[in-house]
Structures are given as C-alpha cells and as structure tokens.
Amino acid sequence: WIAVIDISGSMTAMEEGTSRLEKAKSEVLRRAASLERGSAVTLITAGASPEVLLLQGRDQAEVRRALDRVASDWSEAATDEALVLAGNAASNCQDAEITLYTDMDYLSASGLTVENVASGSRNAAIPSLTCSMESGYAHFSAELVYYDPQDGSQDDPQDDPLTRLTVALYVDGKLIGAKTVDVALGNTSVETTVLDWPVRDIRSFVSARMVLSVEDAIAQDNEAWCLAPPTKNVKVLLASDTPFYWEHALSALPEVDLTVTEAASASLTSGGYDLYIFDGSAPDPLPSDGSVWLSAVRSAPRDTGLRLNELVRGGSLASSKTMPAILCELTTGLSLRDVTVQRLVSTQETERFAAVLTAGGKPALLAAQEADGRWTMMLTFDVHNSNLPLTADFVILLRNMLRFCVPDMLTARVFTCGDTVEASVLPMATALYLQHPDGRMTSLSADGRTASFQLNQPGVWTLLASRGAWDDRYCDFVARFPGSESDTRRRVSPTALLVSRREAAVDETLLSETEENRSDTRMFLAALLLLFLVTEWVVYHHEQY
C-alpha cells in the first residue's frame, strides 16, 4: 500500500479541533494497522519537493516514526510529481494500491484513491503588504481576503465575528495603530478588500508587519511583512584626476554609494570599500579588502603579475573569443556597435588574467579572481581615448562589472514558501548562515559563486555572510504564505490525476520480450539462409568438378 500525503499550506487548516494534516496522518496510521500482517507500506509526502519517507516498511513502528516526520512545508503541493514517485514504487508490486490524502476534490483520478480530509472552514488572510514613500508619508497597502464555505448564506452576517476583521500595523516593531475592516460577503464565498494605510513622519524604516486578529482556520496567513526598498549598499572609492565619465556612469547605478578622491591621495591598502577604482595610477600593493578596477594605469602593481608595454593602436571593441564561460555575464546586454579604442597599453593574457574585451585583437579588459573570491579587473585604455563613455554600453559594462565583482546576495526580497532561492556568495565570505523566521540558524556552503536553499516557513528570513576579519554582511527577505493555500473551502480541482504504474511496466516488459523474440527469429532466418547458400555452393561445386 502506498500513501501520498499532501503537506501543502492549506493542510494546516484547523477543523474540529485538529489540522487536516494530523487527520490525514491518523487515517494513514489506522489504514496501515488494518493491513494484513507483513504487508508493505510506502509513505510519500507531496510538498514543494516530494519525498519518499518510507519505502516498503513492514513494521507499524516504522510507519509511526515516518509519520512523526511529516510536517507542512507551507507550500503548494507538487501532487503530480509525488504521484510519479508513487507510480514508480507501485511498478514493483503487482497488487499495490495508491491512496492520496489531500484537501482537494478531483474531477478525475485514474489509478488511485483520493481521500479528501477537508470539511471546509472559514479563513481570513493577508496575501501581500507593500509600501511606497511619498512626500513624508509611508503609504502601506495590503490585500485582505476572506473565505467562507457557506457562500455568504449565513442568517445574519453582522452576528458573525469573522465578518469584522481587526488589523494592526507595526513598523520596526512599534505599533502604529489598528483598524477595523467589515467584510460583506453577499452571495459569494470569497471577498477581497484592499486596505490603504498612509503613515505620517516616516522617512525610512527597516521592516513593517501587518497582523489580523481573528480566530480562523490558518494562523500563519494572518501576517504579512514588508521590507524597505534597498538603499545604496555598495561602497565604491573612485580615485581619479579626471573622474567625469566614471562618476557620471556610476551615479546611474542605484546601489552605488560613491566616494571620489584624487588619484595621488589614494595610496591605501584598505579603507572599508567594496570596490576600489584607480584611474591613471594605482597604489602598490593594492587594497586587500575589496575588488579592484584599474584603468589606464602607468605601471601595473606587482601583485597583479601583469607586464604593461608601450601604447599601441587600438581598434573596434569586441568580446574576446578566448573568454572563459564564467566571465560571459560581463558582456551581457552589450551591443559594442561602432565602439572604438584609439590607443591602449600593450599587454598579454596570463594564467591569472583572462581577456574579456579586445580592441583590434589586443586585450582591452582583463579579469582575474583572487584566492579569497575578490576580483581584479584592468582596462588597458584611457576612457578618454575611446567613444565608449558616450554610449549606453559604458553604463551597461560598469553595471555588469559591479554586479559581478560585488554581487547582491539576493536578486529579490520577496519569495513564496516552497521557492528554491539561489544566493550569491560574496567575495571574502568564509561562511554563510541562514536564520529562519523561528530563530533557527542553519549553515550553507560558501564554496562556489552561489548557494541554494528552499523556503519552508512564512516570515522574515535573514541571510548572513561571515567575512572573517572584514565586516559581515546580511540580507533580510520575506517568504509569503502562498495565496492559493489560504482558500480553506472544500475545493474541486479541474486537474485530472493519473498514475502510470504497473501497466507501463508490463508494457515495457512485453515490448522487451517482443524485441527479444524478434531478434531470435532474425538470427534463425539468417542461419537458415546461410545453410541454403552453403548447400547451393556444394551442389554447384560437385556438378562442375
């Protein structure tokens, strides 16, 4: 017997004193106990990533231990993928039965039994909370949704406590106020209300939280979070005596916090910047606490290992044909149409430095990664000797270089439970940690350029990069409760469920046997033909000689 248990967010709905998920687990345990002695039980969970928790267990204690591990991941259920696992498990058992425990009715289900554990319940939710800053106001906007399985047909909606919702707003942990929202269902079973909430005298904030005070089926969707828009968080030092082009282009990048200084005053080895740009001259040694860009320097610092020669004629700017795959994102979005470089310093690629761009076939942009993850990049030409700064390609190139050398830890700040998130590992990161909404800390691998993890709990998460002697970096982000999972009415899915199991395996076996039989027949016919030819040759030889 194979049991597939839906562990999506809506399965946490409380009905008659217990959750749908606990009811499903109890029914699985009861069914397993009623099987004949020695019967095999397989348990599969249908969450964001379906998982086989028990494969052909034959002991009740095994079943109970596996069920103890079953918990909701607050996501939408990947039911089809879970049934593929069930079909694979069933293909090895001639009389296997598959039962899906869920809170959804299906119009069609082939190859399995569907047990709906939902009775239908009322639920209120806040699917989203957003904020915009306008003229000294923080303008919060939330969507409130209310579900009623009775289709709005209760005798007196005014007597129903769920038709009057109380909402509280917190900003950076401080209670701003509370409001009452009346929900009039009329003849429908779902009502959506948009709540606008302007707040004076908030110039900035870190996080906001809106909370519904209501007793309903699911508590986890009664909160929503909003994080302030990211500010300028990449500290850049530009050391140049002619900074106009650089300063103008870098100012177009919203994440850059730019400091400009004269080239002669930039003789530093560390200054707390994420990126150092040296135009015209560079200190020796280079700073060791951030990535470094060099442009038109007269001599290469010793630790680069580069050898700069005389100025030579340039040519059209183009992507290097020998560029390693890891550097390809540096040229994303570049057209390089009619972009030329008049003169550049002659140099060669080395084992460390690879060419990203060329001008007239000569290296124009070189890149190398340091052992601690930092990057050193060199433009071998003065931007004043090129029309590149007069094109959109200059801003695009600097944006690509910046986000490559100092990547955002996350490209978004709002996700949904069940999402798999890919985080960038910052240069000089020695460890990566993930703080869950409940305060738990888990460690992630800091090897490579990215680390991935799956969100299995609604709330505010924090990603922390430990960088040894340098300052640590963190990034807050939100995992929302899936909006579709807040619907706790008894629902009917138009999806048709299909389990491909024994039939497919038998067909495959028959096909294999048929192919073997065909092969044997062909060999027999070939042998018969060979015997005939040999006989003909013997008769011919006898008649002739």
Protein backbone atom coordinates (compact mmCIF):
# COMPACT_ATOMS: atom_id res chain seq x y z
CA TRP A 1 0.00 0.00 0.00
CA ILE A 2 1.31 3.44 -0.98
CA ALA A 3 0.09 6.54 0.88
CA VAL A 4 0.71 10.00 -0.59
CA ILE A 5 0.16 12.81 1.93
CA ASP A 6 -0.44 16.41 0.85
CA ILE A 7 1.68 18.66 3.11
CA SER A 8 0.78 21.98 1.46
CA GLY A 9 -0.10 25.11 3.44
CA SER A 10 -3.87 24.56 3.34
CA MET A 11 -3.41 21.19 5.08
CA THR A 12 -2.57 23.11 8.28
CA ALA A 13 -6.17 24.40 8.47
CA MET A 14 -7.75 23.62 11.84
CA GLU A 15 -11.11 21.88 11.65
CA GLU A 16 -12.96 20.24 14.55
CA GLY A 17 -10.03 20.71 16.90
CA THR A 18 -7.30 19.22 14.67
CA SER A 19 -5.49 20.10 11.49
CA ARG A 20 -6.21 18.47 8.18
CA LEU A 21 -2.65 17.16 8.12
CA GLU A 22 -2.98 15.49 11.53
CA LYS A 23 -6.28 13.97 10.40
CA ALA A 24 -4.57 12.58 7.29
CA LYS A 25 -1.74 11.13 9.38
CA SER A 26 -4.23 9.46 11.73
CA GLU A 27 -6.09 7.91 8.81
CA VAL A 28 -2.83 6.63 7.30
CA LEU A 29 -1.85 5.06 10.62
CA ARG A 30 -5.28 3.48 11.03
CA ARG A 31 -5.25 2.08 7.49
CA ALA A 32 -1.71 0.73 7.92
CA ALA A 33 -2.76 -1.04 11.11
CA SER A 34 -5.67 -2.74 9.29
CA LEU A 35 -3.46 -4.30 6.61
CA GLU A 36 -2.58 -7.98 6.68
CA ARG A 37 0.48 -8.86 8.69
CA GLY A 38 3.64 -8.44 6.62
CA SER A 39 2.08 -6.00 4.12
CA ALA A 40 4.47 -3.34 2.82
CA VAL A 41 3.71 0.37 3.36
CA THR A 42 5.29 3.22 1.39
CA LEU A 43 4.85 6.84 2.54
CA ILE A 44 5.35 9.80 0.18
CA THR A 45 4.86 13.49 1.00
CA ALA A 46 3.51 15.89 -1.62
CA GLY A 47 5.03 19.29 -0.88
CA ALA A 48 7.17 21.64 -2.92
CA SER A 49 9.71 18.81 -3.29
CA PRO A 50 8.01 15.39 -2.99
CA GLU A 51 9.89 12.92 -0.83
CA VAL A 52 9.72 9.19 -0.09
CA LEU A 53 9.78 8.96 3.73
CA LEU A 54 9.30 5.20 3.97
CA LEU A 55 9.81 2.56 1.28
CA GLN A 56 8.05 -0.78 1.83
CA GLY A 57 8.06 -0.64 5.59
CA ARG A 58 6.59 -3.77 7.19
CA ASP A 59 6.54 -2.72 10.82
CA GLN A 60 3.99 -0.45 12.48
CA ALA A 61 6.77 1.22 14.45
CA GLU A 62 8.46 2.18 11.15
CA VAL A 63 5.23 3.68 9.86
CA ARG A 64 4.71 5.64 13.07
CA ARG A 65 8.26 7.00 13.03
CA ALA A 66 7.90 8.09 9.41
CA LEU A 67 4.58 9.83 10.15
CA ASP A 68 6.19 11.68 13.05
CA ARG A 69 8.48 13.31 10.48
CA VAL A 70 5.60 14.52 8.33
CA ALA A 71 5.12 18.31 8.65
CA SER A 72 3.79 21.01 6.37
CA ASP A 73 6.28 22.96 4.28
CA TRP A 74 3.67 25.74 3.79
CA SER A 75 4.00 25.50 0.01
CA GLU A 76 1.75 24.48 -2.85
CA ALA A 77 1.72 20.69 -3.29
CA ALA A 78 3.56 19.21 -6.27
CA THR A 79 0.95 16.44 -6.49
CA ASP A 80 1.82 15.24 -9.99
CA GLU A 81 5.49 14.78 -9.09
CA ALA A 82 4.53 12.89 -5.92
CA LEU A 83 2.30 10.55 -7.94
CA VAL A 84 5.19 9.86 -10.31
CA LEU A 85 7.14 8.61 -7.28
CA ALA A 86 4.12 6.57 -6.23
CA GLY A 87 3.81 5.07 -9.72
CA ASN A 88 7.48 4.11 -9.70
CA ALA A 89 7.07 2.42 -6.31
CA ALA A 90 3.90 0.63 -7.49
CA SER A 91 5.55 -0.74 -10.62
CA ASN A 92 7.49 -3.22 -8.46
CA CYS A 93 4.39 -4.53 -6.66
CA GLN A 94 1.74 -6.45 -8.57
CA ASP A 95 -1.23 -5.56 -6.32
CA ALA A 96 -0.11 -2.17 -4.98
CA GLU A 97 -2.81 0.32 -4.01
CA ILE A 98 -2.21 4.08 -4.02
CA THR A 99 -4.16 6.48 -1.80
CA LEU A 100 -3.79 10.27 -1.88
CA TYR A 101 -4.72 12.16 1.30
CA THR A 102 -5.45 15.77 0.43
CA ASP A 103 -7.94 18.61 0.92
CA MET A 104 -8.94 18.83 -2.73
CA ASP A 105 -11.61 17.04 -4.78
CA TYR A 106 -10.62 15.97 -8.27
CA LEU A 107 -12.93 15.58 -11.24
CA SER A 108 -10.93 12.61 -12.42
CA ALA A 109 -8.40 10.33 -10.75
CA SER A 110 -7.09 7.27 -12.52
CA GLY A 111 -5.04 4.57 -10.83
CA LEU A 112 -5.53 5.74 -7.25
CA THR A 113 -8.00 6.52 -4.47
CA VAL A 114 -8.38 10.14 -3.30
CA GLU A 115 -9.32 10.73 0.36
CA ASN A 116 -10.38 14.33 0.99
CA VAL A 117 -9.79 15.19 4.66
CA ALA A 118 -11.27 18.71 4.41
CA SER A 119 -14.70 19.63 5.70
CA GLY A 120 -14.50 23.31 4.67
CA SER A 121 -13.75 26.16 7.06
CA ARG A 122 -13.64 29.94 7.25
CA ASN A 123 -10.36 31.72 6.85
CA ALA A 124 -9.01 35.25 6.56
CA ALA A 125 -5.62 36.10 5.08
CA ILE A 126 -3.26 38.93 4.16
CA PRO A 127 -1.61 37.71 0.93
CA SER A 128 0.52 40.82 0.44
CA LEU A 129 1.76 44.04 2.02
CA THR A 130 3.59 46.76 0.08
CA CYS A 131 4.87 50.25 0.83
CA SER A 132 5.72 53.37 -1.16
CA MET A 133 7.36 56.52 0.21
CA GLU A 134 5.57 59.71 -0.84
CA SER A 135 6.25 63.27 0.42
CA GLY A 136 6.99 62.35 4.01
CA TYR A 137 4.37 59.60 4.07
CA ALA A 138 4.91 55.88 4.19
CA HIS A 139 1.96 54.57 2.20
CA PHE A 140 1.20 50.95 3.15
CA SER A 141 -1.21 48.89 1.09
CA ALA A 142 -2.47 45.42 1.93
CA GLU A 143 -4.82 42.93 0.35
CA LEU A 144 -7.26 41.21 2.74
CA VAL A 145 -9.09 38.06 1.62
CA TYR A 146 -11.89 36.28 3.45
CA TYR A 147 -13.15 32.78 2.57
CA ASP A 148 -16.45 31.33 3.78
CA PRO A 149 -17.58 27.80 2.84
CA GLN A 150 -21.24 28.82 3.32
CA ASP A 151 -21.25 31.04 0.19
CA GLY A 152 -22.25 34.07 2.25
CA SER A 153 -25.55 32.46 3.20
CA GLN A 154 -25.37 32.73 7.00
CA ASP A 155 -28.55 34.08 8.54
CA ASP A 156 -27.13 37.30 9.97
CA PRO A 157 -23.64 38.24 8.80
CA GLN A 158 -23.49 41.01 11.41
CA ASP A 159 -23.52 38.35 14.13
CA ASP A 160 -20.59 36.50 12.57
CA PRO A 161 -17.30 37.56 14.29
CA LEU A 162 -15.34 36.74 11.15
CA THR A 163 -17.07 39.42 9.08
CA ARG A 164 -15.44 42.15 11.18
CA LEU A 165 -11.67 41.97 11.00
CA THR A 166 -9.22 43.88 13.18
CA VAL A 167 -5.90 44.77 11.56
CA ALA A 168 -2.81 46.12 13.34
CA LEU A 169 0.26 47.72 11.71
CA TYR A 170 3.76 47.54 13.20
CA VAL A 171 6.75 49.44 11.80
CA ASP A 172 10.20 48.40 13.07
CA GLY A 173 8.47 46.63 15.96
CA LYS A 174 6.44 49.66 17.06
CA LEU A 175 2.63 49.55 16.97
CA ILE A 176 1.41 52.29 14.63
CA GLY A 177 -2.31 51.65 15.08
CA ALA A 178 -5.23 49.32 14.48
CA LYS A 179 -8.22 49.43 12.16
CA THR A 180 -11.47 47.51 11.79
CA VAL A 181 -12.50 46.20 8.39
CA ASP A 182 -16.06 44.98 7.74
CA VAL A 183 -16.44 42.16 5.24
CA ALA A 184 -19.77 41.84 3.44
CA LEU A 185 -19.88 38.56 1.53
CA GLY A 186 -23.30 38.91 -0.03
CA ASN A 187 -23.86 35.93 -2.33
CA THR A 188 -20.22 35.00 -2.75
CA SER A 189 -17.93 32.78 -0.69
CA VAL A 190 -14.84 34.94 -1.08
CA GLU A 191 -14.32 38.66 -0.58
CA THR A 192 -11.19 40.69 -1.34
CA THR A 193 -10.58 44.09 0.26
CA VAL A 194 -7.69 46.48 -0.36
CA LEU A 195 -6.60 48.38 2.74
CA ASP A 196 -4.65 51.65 2.22
CA TRP A 197 -2.84 52.94 5.29
CA PRO A 198 -0.79 56.18 5.00
CA VAL A 199 1.51 56.91 7.95
CA ARG A 200 2.98 60.37 8.57
CA ASP A 201 6.54 61.26 9.52
CA ILE A 202 8.20 58.02 8.47
CA ARG A 203 11.19 58.92 6.34
CA SER A 204 12.66 55.43 6.41
CA PHE A 205 12.11 52.07 8.02
CA VAL A 206 13.59 48.57 8.02
CA SER A 207 10.54 46.32 8.16
CA ALA A 208 6.77 46.53 8.61
CA ARG A 209 4.29 43.86 9.69
CA MET A 210 0.50 43.76 9.41
CA VAL A 211 -1.43 41.38 11.65
CA LEU A 212 -5.03 40.13 11.54
CA SER A 213 -6.56 39.49 14.97
CA VAL A 214 -9.01 36.73 14.15
CA GLU A 215 -9.73 33.12 15.03
CA ASP A 216 -9.82 31.26 11.75
CA ALA A 217 -8.59 28.06 10.13
CA ILE A 218 -4.96 29.08 9.39
CA ALA A 219 -2.97 31.34 11.68
CA GLN A 220 0.15 31.54 9.53
CA ASP A 221 -1.51 33.61 6.78
CA ASN A 222 -2.79 36.24 9.24
CA GLU A 223 0.50 38.14 9.00
CA ALA A 224 2.25 39.87 6.14
CA TRP A 225 5.64 41.56 6.02
CA CYS A 226 7.16 44.37 4.02
CA LEU A 227 10.82 45.36 3.83
CA ALA A 228 12.12 48.81 2.97
CA PRO A 229 13.47 49.20 -0.57
CA PRO A 230 17.21 48.50 -0.75
CA THR A 231 19.37 51.58 -0.32
CA LYS A 232 22.81 52.37 -1.70
CA ASN A 233 24.70 49.48 -0.24
CA VAL A 234 27.84 49.10 -2.37
CA LYS A 235 30.64 51.36 -1.14
CA VAL A 236 32.84 52.44 -4.06
CA LEU A 237 36.00 54.55 -3.98
CA LEU A 238 36.93 56.26 -7.25
CA ALA A 239 40.49 57.64 -7.34
CA SER A 240 40.93 59.74 -10.48
CA ASP A 241 42.13 63.16 -11.55
CA THR A 242 39.60 63.17 -14.43
CA PRO A 243 36.60 61.40 -12.91
CA PHE A 244 33.77 62.93 -15.01
CA TYR A 245 32.90 59.91 -17.18
CA TRP A 246 33.35 57.43 -14.36
CA GLU A 247 31.40 59.49 -11.83
CA HIS A 248 28.55 60.15 -14.26
CA ALA A 249 28.15 56.46 -15.19
CA LEU A 250 28.48 55.10 -11.64
CA SER A 251 25.91 57.61 -10.37
CA ALA A 252 23.37 55.95 -12.69
CA LEU A 253 23.65 52.72 -10.69
CA PRO A 254 21.21 52.92 -7.75
CA GLU A 255 23.16 50.58 -5.47
CA VAL A 256 26.40 52.61 -5.57
CA ASP A 257 27.49 54.76 -2.62
CA LEU A 258 30.29 56.65 -4.36
CA THR A 259 33.28 58.47 -2.88
CA VAL A 260 35.57 60.40 -5.26
CA THR A 261 39.14 61.36 -4.48
CA GLU A 262 42.22 62.47 -6.37
CA ALA A 263 44.44 59.72 -7.71
CA ALA A 264 47.51 60.96 -5.83
CA SER A 265 45.76 60.63 -2.45
CA ALA A 266 44.73 57.00 -2.94
CA SER A 267 47.83 55.33 -1.50
CA LEU A 268 45.90 52.97 0.75
CA THR A 269 45.88 49.23 1.34
CA SER A 270 42.43 49.07 2.97
CA GLY A 271 39.64 51.54 3.52
CA GLY A 272 36.44 49.58 4.07
CA TYR A 273 35.19 49.82 0.48
CA ASP A 274 33.58 47.04 -1.51
CA LEU A 275 35.20 48.27 -4.72
CA TYR A 276 38.25 50.40 -5.49
CA ILE A 277 38.62 52.08 -8.89
CA PHE A 278 42.05 53.51 -9.71
CA ASP A 279 42.17 55.60 -12.86
CA GLY A 280 45.58 56.73 -14.10
CA SER A 281 47.65 55.38 -11.21
CA ALA A 282 47.33 52.74 -8.51
CA PRO A 283 48.89 52.01 -5.13
CA ASP A 284 51.31 49.14 -4.77
CA PRO A 285 50.28 46.88 -3.10
CA LEU A 286 46.58 47.05 -3.95
CA PRO A 287 43.86 47.14 -1.27
CA SER A 288 43.08 43.72 0.14
CA ASP A 289 39.55 44.26 1.47
CA GLY A 290 37.63 44.70 -1.78
CA SER A 291 37.64 44.13 -5.51
CA VAL A 292 39.81 46.43 -7.62
CA TRP A 293 39.45 48.01 -11.06
CA LEU A 294 42.44 49.55 -12.78
CA SER A 295 42.13 51.93 -15.73
CA ALA A 296 44.93 53.36 -17.85
CA VAL A 297 47.49 52.88 -15.06
CA ARG A 298 51.06 53.75 -15.98
CA SER A 299 52.54 50.67 -14.33
CA ALA A 300 50.88 47.51 -13.06
CA PRO A 301 51.14 46.79 -9.32
CA ARG A 302 53.49 43.90 -8.59
CA ASP A 303 50.82 41.60 -7.17
CA THR A 304 48.93 41.59 -10.50
CA GLY A 305 51.82 39.91 -12.29
CA LEU A 306 50.96 41.89 -15.43
CA ARG A 307 53.55 43.44 -17.68
CA LEU A 308 52.49 46.70 -19.35
CA ASN A 309 54.30 47.71 -22.51
CA GLU A 310 54.08 50.72 -24.83
CA LEU A 311 50.94 52.34 -26.21
CA VAL A 312 49.75 50.76 -29.45
CA ARG A 313 46.97 51.41 -31.94
CA GLY A 314 43.59 50.04 -30.88
CA GLY A 315 40.53 49.25 -32.95
CA SER A 316 36.90 48.15 -32.61
CA LEU A 317 35.88 46.95 -29.18
CA ALA A 318 34.62 43.35 -29.18
CA SER A 319 34.08 40.38 -26.88
CA SER A 320 37.14 38.17 -26.53
CA LYS A 321 36.94 34.86 -28.38
CA THR A 322 39.01 33.18 -25.65
CA MET A 323 36.90 34.45 -22.73
CA PRO A 324 36.17 31.75 -20.07
CA ALA A 325 32.49 30.87 -19.61
CA ILE A 326 32.44 32.25 -16.05
CA LEU A 327 33.15 35.75 -17.41
CA CYS A 328 30.46 35.77 -20.11
CA GLU A 329 27.98 37.65 -17.94
CA LEU A 330 30.31 40.65 -18.06
CA THR A 331 29.27 41.23 -21.67
CA THR A 332 25.52 40.71 -21.16
CA GLY A 333 23.49 43.41 -22.90
CA LEU A 334 26.45 45.00 -24.69
CA SER A 335 25.97 45.89 -28.35
CA LEU A 336 29.51 47.30 -28.92
CA ARG A 337 28.28 48.71 -32.23
CA ASP A 338 30.73 51.27 -33.63
CA VAL A 339 32.63 51.43 -30.31
CA THR A 340 36.32 52.01 -30.86
CA VAL A 341 39.50 52.50 -28.83
CA GLN A 342 42.17 54.72 -30.34
CA ARG A 343 45.13 53.63 -28.24
CA LEU A 344 45.74 51.10 -25.48
CA VAL A 345 48.61 49.69 -23.48
CA SER A 346 50.02 46.51 -24.95
CA THR A 347 49.89 43.53 -22.56
CA GLN A 348 49.25 39.80 -22.69
CA GLU A 349 46.87 37.37 -21.03
CA THR A 350 48.39 35.35 -18.22
CA GLU A 351 47.39 32.27 -16.25
CA ARG A 352 45.55 34.59 -13.86
CA PHE A 353 44.22 37.28 -16.16
CA ALA A 354 41.82 36.42 -18.98
CA ALA A 355 40.67 38.83 -21.68
CA VAL A 356 37.01 39.86 -21.59
CA LEU A 357 37.13 42.54 -24.28
CA THR A 358 39.59 43.18 -27.08
CA ALA A 359 40.33 46.22 -29.25
CA GLY A 360 41.91 45.48 -32.59
CA GLY A 361 42.54 41.94 -31.34
CA LYS A 362 44.51 43.15 -28.29
CA PRO A 363 43.31 42.74 -24.65
CA ALA A 364 41.22 45.76 -23.62
CA LEU A 365 39.62 44.41 -20.42
CA LEU A 366 41.31 41.74 -18.31
CA ALA A 367 39.88 39.95 -15.26
CA ALA A 368 41.36 37.74 -12.56
CA GLN A 369 39.91 36.23 -9.39
CA GLU A 370 41.88 36.30 -6.18
CA ALA A 371 42.10 33.34 -3.80
CA ASP A 372 39.59 34.90 -1.38
CA GLY A 373 36.97 35.48 -4.09
CA ARG A 374 37.76 39.14 -4.86
CA TRP A 375 38.21 40.24 -8.46
CA THR A 376 40.84 42.44 -10.09
CA MET A 377 39.95 43.96 -13.46
CA MET A 378 42.02 46.15 -15.74
CA LEU A 379 41.02 48.41 -18.61
CA THR A 380 44.14 48.76 -20.71
CA PHE A 381 42.96 52.03 -22.27
CA ASP A 382 42.05 55.51 -21.06
CA VAL A 383 38.29 56.04 -21.45
CA HIS A 384 39.10 59.47 -22.90
CA ASN A 385 40.76 57.68 -25.85
CA SER A 386 37.52 55.91 -26.74
CA ASN A 387 33.93 56.77 -27.61
CA LEU A 388 32.75 54.11 -25.14
CA PRO A 389 31.74 56.66 -22.42
CA LEU A 390 29.47 58.38 -24.97
CA THR A 391 27.38 55.21 -25.45
CA ALA A 392 24.92 53.30 -23.28
CA ASP A 393 27.39 50.41 -23.36
CA PHE A 394 29.59 52.18 -20.80
CA VAL A 395 26.90 52.17 -18.10
CA ILE A 396 25.92 48.61 -19.00
CA LEU A 397 29.53 47.44 -18.81
CA LEU A 398 30.11 49.09 -15.43
CA ARG A 399 26.84 47.64 -14.14
CA ASN A 400 27.88 44.16 -15.25
CA MET A 401 31.34 44.55 -13.74
CA LEU A 402 29.92 45.89 -10.46
CA ARG A 403 27.35 43.12 -10.03
CA PHE A 404 29.94 40.53 -10.97
CA CYS A 405 32.58 41.78 -8.53
CA VAL A 406 30.17 42.78 -5.73
CA PRO A 407 27.04 40.72 -6.35
CA ASP A 408 23.77 41.20 -4.49
CA MET A 409 23.31 38.37 -2.05
CA LEU A 410 19.76 38.06 -3.39
CA THR A 411 18.22 39.42 -6.58
CA ALA A 412 14.78 39.72 -4.91
CA ARG A 413 13.48 40.33 -1.39
CA VAL A 414 10.05 38.69 -1.60
CA PHE A 415 9.52 34.98 -2.24
CA THR A 416 6.82 32.37 -1.63
CA CYS A 417 7.04 29.32 0.62
CA GLY A 418 8.26 26.39 -1.44
CA ASP A 419 10.54 28.54 -3.61
CA THR A 420 14.13 27.47 -4.10
CA VAL A 421 16.33 30.53 -3.62
CA GLU A 422 19.78 30.96 -5.14
CA ALA A 423 22.04 33.31 -3.20
CA SER A 424 25.32 34.81 -4.36
CA VAL A 425 28.37 34.08 -2.22
CA LEU A 426 30.13 37.39 -1.57
CA PRO A 427 33.88 37.80 -2.08
CA MET A 428 35.89 37.00 1.05
CA ALA A 429 32.92 35.10 2.56
CA THR A 430 34.21 32.33 4.81
CA ALA A 431 30.80 31.08 5.95
CA LEU A 432 27.15 31.53 5.02
CA TYR A 433 24.29 31.26 7.51
CA LEU A 434 20.52 31.29 7.17
CA GLN A 435 18.29 32.48 10.01
CA HIS A 436 14.74 31.10 9.85
CA PRO A 437 11.67 33.07 10.99
CA ASP A 438 11.53 30.96 14.15
CA GLY A 439 15.11 31.93 15.05
CA ARG A 440 16.82 28.70 14.00
CA MET A 441 20.21 29.03 12.28
CA THR A 442 21.46 26.73 9.54
CA SER A 443 24.74 26.88 7.68
CA LEU A 444 25.11 26.90 3.90
CA SER A 445 28.08 26.03 1.75
CA ALA A 446 30.20 29.08 0.91
CA ASP A 447 32.07 27.21 -1.82
CA GLY A 448 31.49 28.42 -5.36
CA ARG A 449 29.65 31.54 -6.51
CA THR A 450 26.13 30.54 -5.38
CA ALA A 451 24.33 28.66 -2.61
CA SER A 452 20.73 27.42 -2.84
CA PHE A 453 18.08 26.62 -0.25
CA GLN A 454 14.31 26.08 -0.09
CA LEU A 455 11.86 28.19 1.92
CA ASN A 456 9.61 26.11 4.15
CA GLN A 457 8.24 28.67 6.60
CA PRO A 458 6.44 32.03 6.17
CA GLY A 459 8.01 35.12 7.70
CA VAL A 460 11.21 37.19 7.58
CA TRP A 461 14.43 35.30 6.86
CA THR A 462 18.00 36.59 7.13
CA LEU A 463 21.00 35.55 5.05
CA LEU A 464 24.32 36.28 6.77
CA ALA A 465 27.76 36.20 5.14
CA SER A 466 30.66 35.96 7.57
CA ARG A 467 33.81 37.51 6.07
CA GLY A 468 36.46 36.82 8.67
CA ALA A 469 38.43 39.97 9.50
CA TRP A 470 36.17 42.10 7.32
CA ASP A 471 32.68 43.30 8.15
CA ASP A 472 29.87 40.74 7.95
CA ARG A 473 27.01 41.28 5.53
CA TYR A 474 23.37 40.33 5.94
CA CYS A 475 20.24 40.48 3.82
CA ASP A 476 16.65 40.24 5.07
CA PHE A 477 13.93 38.80 2.83
CA VAL A 478 10.33 37.65 3.11
CA ALA A 479 8.72 34.28 2.44
CA ARG A 480 4.99 34.71 1.87
CA PHE A 481 2.31 32.15 2.59
CA PRO A 482 1.03 31.02 -0.86
CA GLY A 483 -2.19 32.89 -1.58
CA SER A 484 -3.91 29.86 -3.11
CA GLU A 485 -3.34 27.87 0.09
CA SER A 486 -5.39 30.31 2.17
CA ASP A 487 -8.58 29.08 0.47
CA THR A 488 -9.93 26.61 3.04
CA ARG A 489 -13.25 25.96 1.37
CA ARG A 490 -13.81 22.44 0.07
CA ARG A 491 -12.42 22.88 -3.40
CA VAL A 492 -12.69 20.98 -6.66
CA SER A 493 -9.64 20.90 -8.92
CA PRO A 494 -10.11 20.69 -12.69
CA THR A 495 -6.83 18.78 -12.84
CA ALA A 496 -7.09 15.11 -13.77
CA LEU A 497 -4.81 12.90 -11.70
CA LEU A 498 -3.16 9.97 -13.44
CA VAL A 499 -0.82 7.37 -12.03
CA SER A 500 1.35 5.49 -14.54
CA ARG A 501 2.40 2.36 -12.74
CA ARG A 502 2.13 -1.41 -13.37
CA GLU A 503 0.58 -1.06 -16.81
CA ALA A 504 3.53 0.93 -18.09
CA ALA A 505 5.98 -1.51 -16.53
CA VAL A 506 4.14 -4.51 -18.06
CA ASP A 507 4.01 -2.85 -21.45
CA GLU A 508 7.71 -2.19 -21.25
CA THR A 509 8.34 -5.83 -20.29
CA LEU A 510 6.18 -7.09 -23.14
CA LEU A 511 7.95 -4.76 -25.53
CA SER A 512 11.31 -6.05 -24.32
CA GLU A 513 10.18 -9.69 -24.71
CA THR A 514 8.82 -8.96 -28.19
CA GLU A 515 12.09 -7.39 -29.24
CA GLU A 516 13.99 -10.43 -27.91
CA ASN A 517 11.68 -12.78 -29.84
CA ARG A 518 12.14 -10.74 -33.00
CA SER A 519 15.89 -10.86 -32.54
CA ASP A 520 15.84 -14.65 -32.11
CA THR A 521 13.68 -15.05 -35.24
CA ARG A 522 16.04 -12.91 -37.31
CA MET A 523 19.03 -14.96 -36.16
CA PHE A 524 17.23 -18.21 -37.06
CA LEU A 525 16.34 -16.93 -40.53
CA ALA A 526 19.89 -15.73 -41.09
CA ALA A 527 21.26 -19.15 -40.14
CA LEU A 528 18.73 -20.82 -42.47
CA LEU A 529 19.78 -18.54 -45.34
CA LEU A 530 23.44 -19.27 -44.70
CA LEU A 531 22.76 -23.04 -44.73
CA PHE A 532 20.89 -22.69 -48.04
CA LEU A 533 23.76 -20.74 -49.63
CA VAL A 534 26.33 -23.29 -48.45
CA THR A 535 24.21 -26.14 -49.86
CA GLU A 536 23.90 -24.36 -53.20
CA TRP A 537 27.65 -23.83 -53.32
CA VAL A 538 28.33 -27.54 -52.56
CA VAL A 539 25.91 -28.68 -55.32
CA TYR A 540 27.45 -26.24 -57.79
CA HIS A 541 31.00 -27.35 -56.92
CA HIS A 542 30.04 -31.04 -57.30
CA GLU A 543 28.48 -30.51 -60.75
CA GLN A 544 31.45 -28.52 -62.04
CA TYR A 545 34.27 -30.68 -60.71
